[in-house]
Amino acid sequence: MRKVLRSARMFASLAAIGLGAAGVAAQAAEPADTILLNGKIATVNDRFAIVQAVAIRGRRIVAVGSNADVLEHQGRATKMLDLKKRTVIPGLIDNHSHWIRAAEHDELRLDGVTSRKAALALLAERVRTTRPGEWIVTIGGWSEEQFTDDPRGFPLEELDRIAPDHPVVLQAIYNQSYLNTAALKAAGIDESTPDPRGGTIEKDANGKPSGVVLSSMPAALSAAVLR
């Protein structure tokens, strides 16, 4: 009886191994749609390994490794692409963009500036070295709290005094912007301008823009800076 049980167990084990091997063989036999060879492919795995080749079936990667490893997935209809040592990286998806920063190549940066007095000096220097009429822009990366000497923003009158002939926008951490009169005029923002979606154009007791825009920047202002 014991011999029969041992034989039965052995048969079951061999059958399972056989089925498993058959499954692996069937999977290996299914060819890739596309194979990329002779490249530098960034896998972004735990070791950030760079490999030669990758096999793709449908919308999935089925193998990465050396050319020899990946060629095991080649079939009659597999499309072969020689990368000629070019680099392949995973697809990058950016679900948000900072369009103004992308186009503003000479942004005035205030990040790391711990003194408001020093920030005003940087602004004054930029005004001195920039032609009248050109924009001076800071797009995020700083906050009023970083100024240890005077943790506050930049009133309209102060910006007008420093930069009467330059449109100035100082945006703090993307949720609050300080504008001077030239910037308001260039963007066409006045008493009749409605609040942008998700934002507020602050106005004084007389209904005139105070130079502060909260949250979303008006489209007119973005367009003006990007011109």
Protein backbone atom coordinates (compact mmCIF):
# COMPACT_ATOMS: atom_id res chain seq x y z
CA MET A 1 0.00 0.00 0.00
CA ARG A 2 2.82 2.38 0.90
CA LYS A 3 4.54 1.60 -2.40
CA VAL A 4 1.32 2.42 -4.24
CA LEU A 5 0.98 5.74 -2.42
CA ARG A 6 4.63 6.66 -3.10
CA SER A 7 4.15 5.78 -6.78
CA ALA A 8 0.99 7.87 -6.93
CA ARG A 9 2.73 10.84 -5.31
CA MET A 10 5.68 10.52 -7.70
CA PHE A 11 3.36 10.35 -10.70
CA ALA A 12 1.47 13.43 -9.51
CA SER A 13 4.73 15.32 -9.01
CA LEU A 14 6.03 14.38 -12.43
CA ALA A 15 2.71 15.30 -14.01
CA ALA A 16 2.78 18.72 -12.32
CA ILE A 17 6.36 19.29 -13.45
CA GLY A 18 5.42 18.24 -16.96
CA LEU A 19 2.43 20.56 -17.07
CA GLY A 20 4.54 23.41 -15.72
CA ALA A 21 7.21 22.80 -18.32
CA ALA A 22 4.59 22.62 -21.04
CA GLY A 23 3.19 25.95 -19.89
CA VAL A 24 6.65 27.55 -19.96
CA ALA A 25 7.34 26.07 -23.36
CA ALA A 26 4.04 27.38 -24.69
CA GLN A 27 4.79 30.81 -23.31
CA ALA A 28 8.30 30.81 -24.74
CA ALA A 29 6.98 29.62 -28.09
CA GLU A 30 4.66 32.62 -28.37
CA PRO A 31 6.69 35.09 -30.46
CA ALA A 32 7.20 38.77 -29.80
CA ASP A 33 5.69 41.38 -32.09
CA THR A 34 8.80 43.57 -31.95
CA ILE A 35 12.38 43.08 -30.81
CA LEU A 36 14.86 45.90 -30.27
CA LEU A 37 18.51 44.83 -30.47
CA ASN A 38 21.98 46.32 -29.95
CA GLY A 39 20.83 49.15 -27.73
CA LYS A 40 21.28 50.70 -24.34
CA ILE A 41 17.92 50.04 -22.72
CA ALA A 42 17.20 51.52 -19.29
CA THR A 43 15.10 48.97 -17.41
CA VAL A 44 14.57 51.13 -14.30
CA ASN A 45 14.54 47.99 -12.17
CA ASP A 46 15.98 47.84 -8.65
CA ARG A 47 19.52 47.94 -10.04
CA PHE A 48 18.66 50.33 -12.89
CA ALA A 49 20.25 47.79 -15.22
CA ILE A 50 21.14 48.75 -18.78
CA VAL A 51 20.54 45.87 -21.22
CA GLN A 52 21.06 45.23 -24.92
CA ALA A 53 17.65 44.15 -26.08
CA VAL A 54 13.93 44.06 -25.36
CA ALA A 55 11.06 41.95 -26.71
CA ILE A 56 7.54 43.38 -26.94
CA ARG A 57 4.25 41.54 -27.43
CA GLY A 58 1.11 43.62 -27.75
CA ARG A 59 1.33 46.38 -25.14
CA ARG A 60 3.71 44.49 -22.84
CA ILE A 61 7.43 43.90 -22.51
CA VAL A 62 7.96 40.15 -22.37
CA ALA A 63 11.75 40.00 -22.07
CA VAL A 64 14.83 42.15 -21.54
CA GLY A 65 18.46 41.12 -21.54
CA SER A 66 21.23 40.32 -23.97
CA ASN A 67 20.62 39.99 -27.70
CA ALA A 68 20.89 36.21 -27.39
CA ASP A 69 18.36 36.06 -24.56
CA VAL A 70 15.79 38.19 -26.30
CA LEU A 71 16.20 36.53 -29.72
CA GLU A 72 14.61 33.43 -28.21
CA HIS A 73 11.33 35.34 -28.58
CA GLN A 74 11.78 35.91 -32.31
CA GLY A 75 9.11 34.53 -34.63
CA ARG A 76 8.49 34.61 -38.36
CA ALA A 77 6.48 37.82 -38.14
CA THR A 78 8.56 39.54 -35.46
CA LYS A 79 9.64 43.03 -36.44
CA MET A 80 13.36 43.51 -35.76
CA LEU A 81 14.86 46.90 -35.04
CA ASP A 82 18.62 47.48 -34.73
CA LEU A 83 19.15 50.33 -32.29
CA LYS A 84 22.82 50.73 -33.24
CA LYS A 85 23.76 51.50 -29.62
CA ARG A 86 21.09 54.17 -29.23
CA THR A 87 19.35 54.58 -25.87
CA VAL A 88 15.79 53.55 -25.03
CA ILE A 89 14.06 54.82 -21.89
CA PRO A 90 10.60 54.11 -20.44
CA GLY A 91 7.79 56.36 -21.58
CA LEU A 92 7.52 59.55 -19.57
CA ILE A 93 4.09 60.98 -18.78
CA ASP A 94 3.91 64.48 -17.34
CA ASN A 95 0.35 65.14 -16.22
CA HIS A 96 0.98 68.83 -15.71
CA SER A 97 3.15 71.49 -17.30
CA HIS A 98 4.47 74.93 -16.42
CA TRP A 99 4.15 76.59 -19.80
CA ILE A 100 5.45 80.01 -18.74
CA ARG A 101 8.56 78.53 -17.14
CA ALA A 102 9.17 76.41 -20.25
CA ALA A 103 9.31 79.52 -22.40
CA GLU A 104 11.05 81.82 -19.90
CA HIS A 105 14.76 81.18 -20.37
CA ASP A 106 16.05 84.03 -18.22
CA GLU A 107 13.86 83.77 -15.15
CA LEU A 108 14.78 85.80 -12.08
CA ARG A 109 15.20 83.19 -9.32
CA LEU A 110 14.50 83.97 -5.69
CA ASP A 111 14.73 80.44 -4.29
CA GLY A 112 17.40 80.31 -1.61
CA VAL A 113 17.35 84.06 -1.06
CA THR A 114 16.76 84.48 2.69
CA SER A 115 16.60 88.28 2.82
CA ARG A 116 13.82 90.40 1.32
CA LYS A 117 16.32 93.23 1.03
CA ALA A 118 18.55 90.97 -1.07
CA ALA A 119 15.57 89.96 -3.22
CA LEU A 120 14.81 93.62 -3.95
CA ALA A 121 18.47 94.19 -4.83
CA LEU A 122 18.33 91.28 -7.30
CA LEU A 123 15.21 92.75 -8.86
CA ALA A 124 16.81 96.20 -9.14
CA GLU A 125 19.88 94.68 -10.78
CA ARG A 126 17.72 92.80 -13.27
CA VAL A 127 15.91 96.03 -14.11
CA ARG A 128 19.25 97.75 -14.67
CA THR A 129 20.45 95.06 -17.09
CA THR A 130 17.15 94.51 -18.97
CA ARG A 131 15.85 96.68 -21.76
CA PRO A 132 12.74 98.75 -20.92
CA GLY A 133 9.54 96.95 -21.86
CA GLU A 134 10.94 93.45 -21.39
CA TRP A 135 9.34 91.15 -18.83
CA ILE A 136 10.98 90.32 -15.52
CA VAL A 137 9.47 87.13 -14.20
CA THR A 138 9.88 84.83 -11.22
CA ILE A 139 7.74 81.70 -11.47
CA GLY A 140 7.46 79.94 -8.14
CA GLY A 141 10.25 78.37 -6.15
CA TRP A 142 10.12 80.82 -3.26
CA SER A 143 7.80 82.01 -0.50
CA GLU A 144 7.45 85.11 1.63
CA GLU A 145 8.31 83.11 4.75
CA GLN A 146 11.88 82.53 3.56
CA PHE A 147 12.75 86.22 4.11
CA THR A 148 14.09 86.27 7.66
CA ASP A 149 14.40 90.04 7.76
CA ASP A 150 10.90 90.91 6.50
CA PRO A 151 8.63 87.95 5.60
CA ARG A 152 6.10 89.56 3.28
CA GLY A 153 5.34 90.02 -0.41
CA PHE A 154 5.88 92.90 -2.82
CA PRO A 155 3.26 95.70 -2.98
CA LEU A 156 2.34 97.27 -6.30
CA GLU A 157 3.79 100.66 -5.36
CA GLU A 158 7.14 99.13 -4.44
CA LEU A 159 7.43 97.23 -7.71
CA ASP A 160 6.41 100.34 -9.66
CA ARG A 161 9.13 102.36 -7.95
CA ILE A 162 11.83 99.78 -8.74
CA ALA A 163 10.62 98.86 -12.24
CA PRO A 164 8.46 101.62 -13.75
CA ASP A 165 9.26 100.60 -17.33
CA HIS A 166 9.34 96.79 -17.04
CA PRO A 167 6.37 94.43 -16.61
CA VAL A 168 7.14 92.46 -13.42
CA VAL A 169 5.50 89.25 -12.18
CA LEU A 170 6.83 87.64 -8.98
CA GLN A 171 4.96 84.39 -8.44
CA ALA A 172 5.40 82.74 -5.05
CA ILE A 173 5.07 78.92 -4.86
CA TYR A 174 2.54 78.95 -7.72
CA ASN A 175 -0.38 80.22 -5.64
CA GLN A 176 0.19 83.96 -5.37
CA SER A 177 1.63 86.50 -7.80
CA TYR A 178 2.75 90.08 -7.31
CA LEU A 179 2.43 92.34 -10.37
CA ASN A 180 3.39 95.93 -11.05
CA THR A 181 1.34 98.41 -13.05
CA ALA A 182 3.25 97.72 -16.28
CA ALA A 183 2.43 94.01 -16.01
CA LEU A 184 -1.25 94.70 -15.35
CA LYS A 185 -1.42 96.97 -18.39
CA ALA A 186 0.46 94.53 -20.63
CA ALA A 187 -1.98 91.75 -19.71
CA GLY A 188 -5.02 94.01 -20.03
CA ILE A 189 -6.04 93.50 -16.41
CA ASP A 190 -8.18 96.35 -15.06
CA GLU A 191 -11.30 97.00 -12.98
CA SER A 192 -13.51 95.10 -15.42
CA THR A 193 -11.36 91.96 -15.64
CA PRO A 194 -13.19 88.96 -14.13
CA ASP A 195 -11.46 86.52 -11.82
CA PRO A 196 -9.77 83.62 -13.63
CA ARG A 197 -11.12 80.12 -13.11
CA GLY A 198 -9.85 78.93 -9.73
CA GLY A 199 -8.22 82.26 -8.94
CA THR A 200 -8.80 85.80 -7.70
CA ILE A 201 -7.61 89.19 -8.93
CA GLU A 202 -7.43 91.21 -5.73
CA LYS A 203 -8.87 94.73 -5.95
CA ASP A 204 -8.67 97.71 -3.62
CA ALA A 205 -11.56 99.68 -2.12
CA ASN A 206 -11.97 101.58 -5.40
CA GLY A 207 -12.17 98.40 -7.46
CA LYS A 208 -8.71 98.75 -8.99
CA PRO A 209 -6.39 95.71 -9.19
CA SER A 210 -4.03 95.72 -6.21
CA GLY A 211 -1.31 93.85 -8.08
CA VAL A 212 -1.95 90.55 -6.27
CA VAL A 213 -3.36 87.53 -8.11
CA LEU A 214 -4.24 84.47 -6.05
CA SER A 215 -4.03 80.89 -7.32
CA SER A 216 -4.65 80.57 -11.07
CA MET A 217 -2.88 83.12 -13.24
CA PRO A 218 -5.22 84.81 -15.75
CA ALA A 219 -4.87 83.51 -19.29
CA ALA A 220 -4.26 87.05 -20.53
CA LEU A 221 -1.27 87.36 -18.23
CA SER A 222 0.16 83.99 -19.26
CA ALA A 223 -0.24 84.91 -22.93
CA ALA A 224 1.43 88.28 -22.37
CA VAL A 225 4.45 86.71 -20.66
CA LEU A 226 4.78 84.10 -23.40
CA ARG A 227 4.81 86.60 -26.26
